[in-house]
């Protein structure tokens, strides 16, 4: 963002319910790949939550702070890309 690297997304454990660490931001991201539902935390504080709506073709993104919104959107976009490539059933990518 703004010409700077923000963080690295690292998969810790899990297949359908993975646990990711966003190194650089110290965010812990967890969720459900099949439902495209994710939540991120920094310690005990919620950072963002995403839910699929409209038959899975649209995402609703909630951010706790406005300054975290760009990084949250980028993280959800990367998770959606991972989701479409890693699940054995063909899934359509979400349109942002």
C-alpha atoms as a PDB file:
ATOM      1  CA  UNK A   1       0.000   0.000   0.000  1.00  0.00           C
ATOM      2  CA  UNK A   2       1.349   3.424  -0.957  1.00  0.00           C
ATOM      3  CA  UNK A   3       4.458   1.802  -2.395  1.00  0.00           C
ATOM      4  CA  UNK A   4       5.253  -0.131   0.773  1.00  0.00           C
ATOM      5  CA  UNK A   5       4.953  -3.808   1.597  1.00  0.00           C
ATOM      6  CA  UNK A   6       2.452  -4.368   4.376  1.00  0.00           C
ATOM      7  CA  UNK A   7       2.558  -7.970   5.510  1.00  0.00           C
ATOM      8  CA  UNK A   8       2.972 -11.627   4.562  1.00  0.00           C
ATOM      9  CA  UNK A   9       0.078 -14.086   4.833  1.00  0.00           C
ATOM     10  CA  UNK A  10       1.252 -17.392   6.315  1.00  0.00           C
ATOM     11  CA  UNK A  11      -0.973 -20.484   6.597  1.00  0.00           C
ATOM     12  CA  UNK A  12      -0.556 -22.041  10.019  1.00  0.00           C
ATOM     13  CA  UNK A  13      -2.971 -25.009  10.057  1.00  0.00           C
ATOM     14  CA  UNK A  14      -6.239 -26.264   8.585  1.00  0.00           C
ATOM     15  CA  UNK A  15      -7.787 -27.051   5.226  1.00  0.00           C
ATOM     16  CA  UNK A  16     -11.456 -26.033   5.286  1.00  0.00           C
ATOM     17  CA  UNK A  17     -11.118 -23.953   8.471  1.00  0.00           C
ATOM     18  CA  UNK A  18      -7.615 -22.505   8.094  1.00  0.00           C
ATOM     19  CA  UNK A  19      -5.684 -20.352  10.511  1.00  0.00           C
ATOM     20  CA  UNK A  20      -3.469 -17.655   8.981  1.00  0.00           C
ATOM     21  CA  UNK A  21      -0.972 -15.260  10.482  1.00  0.00           C
ATOM     22  CA  UNK A  22      -0.534 -11.911   8.777  1.00  0.00           C
ATOM     23  CA  UNK A  23       3.118 -11.296   9.619  1.00  0.00           C
ATOM     24  CA  UNK A  24       3.935  -7.618   9.732  1.00  0.00           C
ATOM     25  CA  UNK A  25       0.554  -6.690  11.171  1.00  0.00           C
ATOM     26  CA  UNK A  26       0.370  -9.446  13.782  1.00  0.00           C
ATOM     27  CA  UNK A  27      -3.161 -10.290  12.720  1.00  0.00           C
ATOM     28  CA  UNK A  28      -4.570 -13.758  13.263  1.00  0.00           C
ATOM     29  CA  UNK A  29      -7.057 -14.646  10.498  1.00  0.00           C
ATOM     30  CA  UNK A  30      -9.435 -17.570  10.816  1.00  0.00           C
ATOM     31  CA  UNK A  31     -12.501 -18.665   8.917  1.00  0.00           C
ATOM     32  CA  UNK A  32     -14.325 -21.102   6.697  1.00  0.00           C
ATOM     33  CA  UNK A  33     -13.045 -21.502   3.125  1.00  0.00           C
ATOM     34  CA  UNK A  34     -16.216 -23.111   1.755  1.00  0.00           C
ATOM     35  CA  UNK A  35     -18.487 -20.379   3.158  1.00  0.00           C
ATOM     36  CA  UNK A  36     -16.006 -17.554   2.429  1.00  0.00           C
ATOM     37  CA  UNK A  37     -16.383 -16.316   5.994  1.00  0.00           C
ATOM     38  CA  UNK A  38     -13.289 -14.862   7.690  1.00  0.00           C
ATOM     39  CA  UNK A  39     -12.432 -12.922  10.842  1.00  0.00           C
ATOM     40  CA  UNK A  40      -9.172 -11.247  11.845  1.00  0.00           C
ATOM     41  CA  UNK A  41      -7.926 -10.377  15.304  1.00  0.00           C
ATOM     42  CA  UNK A  42      -5.011  -8.458  16.749  1.00  0.00           C
ATOM     43  CA  UNK A  43      -4.695  -9.906  20.225  1.00  0.00           C
ATOM     44  CA  UNK A  44      -8.256  -9.855  21.555  1.00  0.00           C
ATOM     45  CA  UNK A  45      -9.364  -6.964  19.342  1.00  0.00           C
ATOM     46  CA  UNK A  46     -11.427  -7.736  16.228  1.00  0.00           C
ATOM     47  CA  UNK A  47      -9.961  -6.151  13.091  1.00  0.00           C
ATOM     48  CA  UNK A  48     -12.330  -7.252  10.318  1.00  0.00           C
ATOM     49  CA  UNK A  49     -15.011  -9.768   9.445  1.00  0.00           C
ATOM     50  CA  UNK A  50     -16.187 -10.837   6.009  1.00  0.00           C
ATOM     51  CA  UNK A  51     -19.336 -12.712   5.039  1.00  0.00           C
ATOM     52  CA  UNK A  52     -20.566 -13.923   1.660  1.00  0.00           C
ATOM     53  CA  UNK A  53     -23.985 -12.580   0.698  1.00  0.00           C
ATOM     54  CA  UNK A  54     -26.156 -12.747  -2.438  1.00  0.00           C
ATOM     55  CA  UNK A  55     -25.528 -16.472  -3.111  1.00  0.00           C
ATOM     56  CA  UNK A  56     -21.801 -16.083  -2.481  1.00  0.00           C
ATOM     57  CA  UNK A  57     -21.186 -13.610  -5.305  1.00  0.00           C
ATOM     58  CA  UNK A  58     -20.716 -10.583  -3.035  1.00  0.00           C
ATOM     59  CA  UNK A  59     -18.780 -10.040   0.162  1.00  0.00           C
ATOM     60  CA  UNK A  60     -19.703  -7.819   3.063  1.00  0.00           C
ATOM     61  CA  UNK A  61     -16.625  -6.499   4.855  1.00  0.00           C
ATOM     62  CA  UNK A  62     -16.777  -4.989   8.330  1.00  0.00           C
ATOM     63  CA  UNK A  63     -13.702  -3.165   9.667  1.00  0.00           C
ATOM     64  CA  UNK A  64     -13.191  -1.984  13.224  1.00  0.00           C
ATOM     65  CA  UNK A  65     -11.093   1.015  12.165  1.00  0.00           C
ATOM     66  CA  UNK A  66     -11.154   2.995   8.932  1.00  0.00           C
ATOM     67  CA  UNK A  67      -7.353   2.943   8.644  1.00  0.00           C
ATOM     68  CA  UNK A  68      -7.423  -0.900   8.576  1.00  0.00           C
ATOM     69  CA  UNK A  69      -9.910  -1.018   5.684  1.00  0.00           C
ATOM     70  CA  UNK A  70      -7.390  -1.118   2.779  1.00  0.00           C
ATOM     71  CA  UNK A  71      -5.312  -3.880   4.375  1.00  0.00           C
ATOM     72  CA  UNK A  72      -8.492  -5.777   5.277  1.00  0.00           C
ATOM     73  CA  UNK A  73      -9.777  -5.580   1.704  1.00  0.00           C
ATOM     74  CA  UNK A  74      -6.453  -6.789   0.312  1.00  0.00           C
ATOM     75  CA  UNK A  75      -6.356  -9.665   2.810  1.00  0.00           C
ATOM     76  CA  UNK A  76      -9.889 -10.762   1.909  1.00  0.00           C
ATOM     77  CA  UNK A  77      -9.027 -10.579  -1.807  1.00  0.00           C
ATOM     78  CA  UNK A  78      -5.992 -12.828  -1.264  1.00  0.00           C
ATOM     79  CA  UNK A  79      -8.065 -15.270   0.810  1.00  0.00           C
ATOM     80  CA  UNK A  80     -10.691 -15.392  -1.950  1.00  0.00           C
ATOM     81  CA  UNK A  81      -7.954 -16.166  -4.482  1.00  0.00           C
ATOM     82  CA  UNK A  82      -6.626 -18.955  -2.249  1.00  0.00           C
ATOM     83  CA  UNK A  83     -10.174 -20.243  -1.775  1.00  0.00           C
ATOM     84  CA  UNK A  84     -10.888 -20.494  -5.504  1.00  0.00           C
ATOM     85  CA  UNK A  85      -7.603 -22.303  -6.162  1.00  0.00           C
ATOM     86  CA  UNK A  86      -7.508 -24.689  -3.199  1.00  0.00           C
ATOM     87  CA  UNK A  87     -10.999 -26.199  -2.938  1.00  0.00           C
ATOM     88  CA  UNK A  88     -11.547 -29.192  -5.227  1.00  0.00           C
ATOM     89  CA  UNK A  89     -14.991 -28.057  -6.375  1.00  0.00           C
ATOM     90  CA  UNK A  90     -14.815 -25.262  -8.934  1.00  0.00           C
ATOM     91  CA  UNK A  91     -15.814 -21.948  -7.358  1.00  0.00           C
ATOM     92  CA  UNK A  92     -16.339 -18.614  -9.004  1.00  0.00           C
ATOM     93  CA  UNK A  93     -14.274 -15.727  -7.655  1.00  0.00           C
ATOM     94  CA  UNK A  94     -16.090 -12.959  -5.860  1.00  0.00           C
ATOM     95  CA  UNK A  95     -16.374  -9.691  -7.789  1.00  0.00           C
ATOM     96  CA  UNK A  96     -14.964  -6.772  -5.809  1.00  0.00           C
END
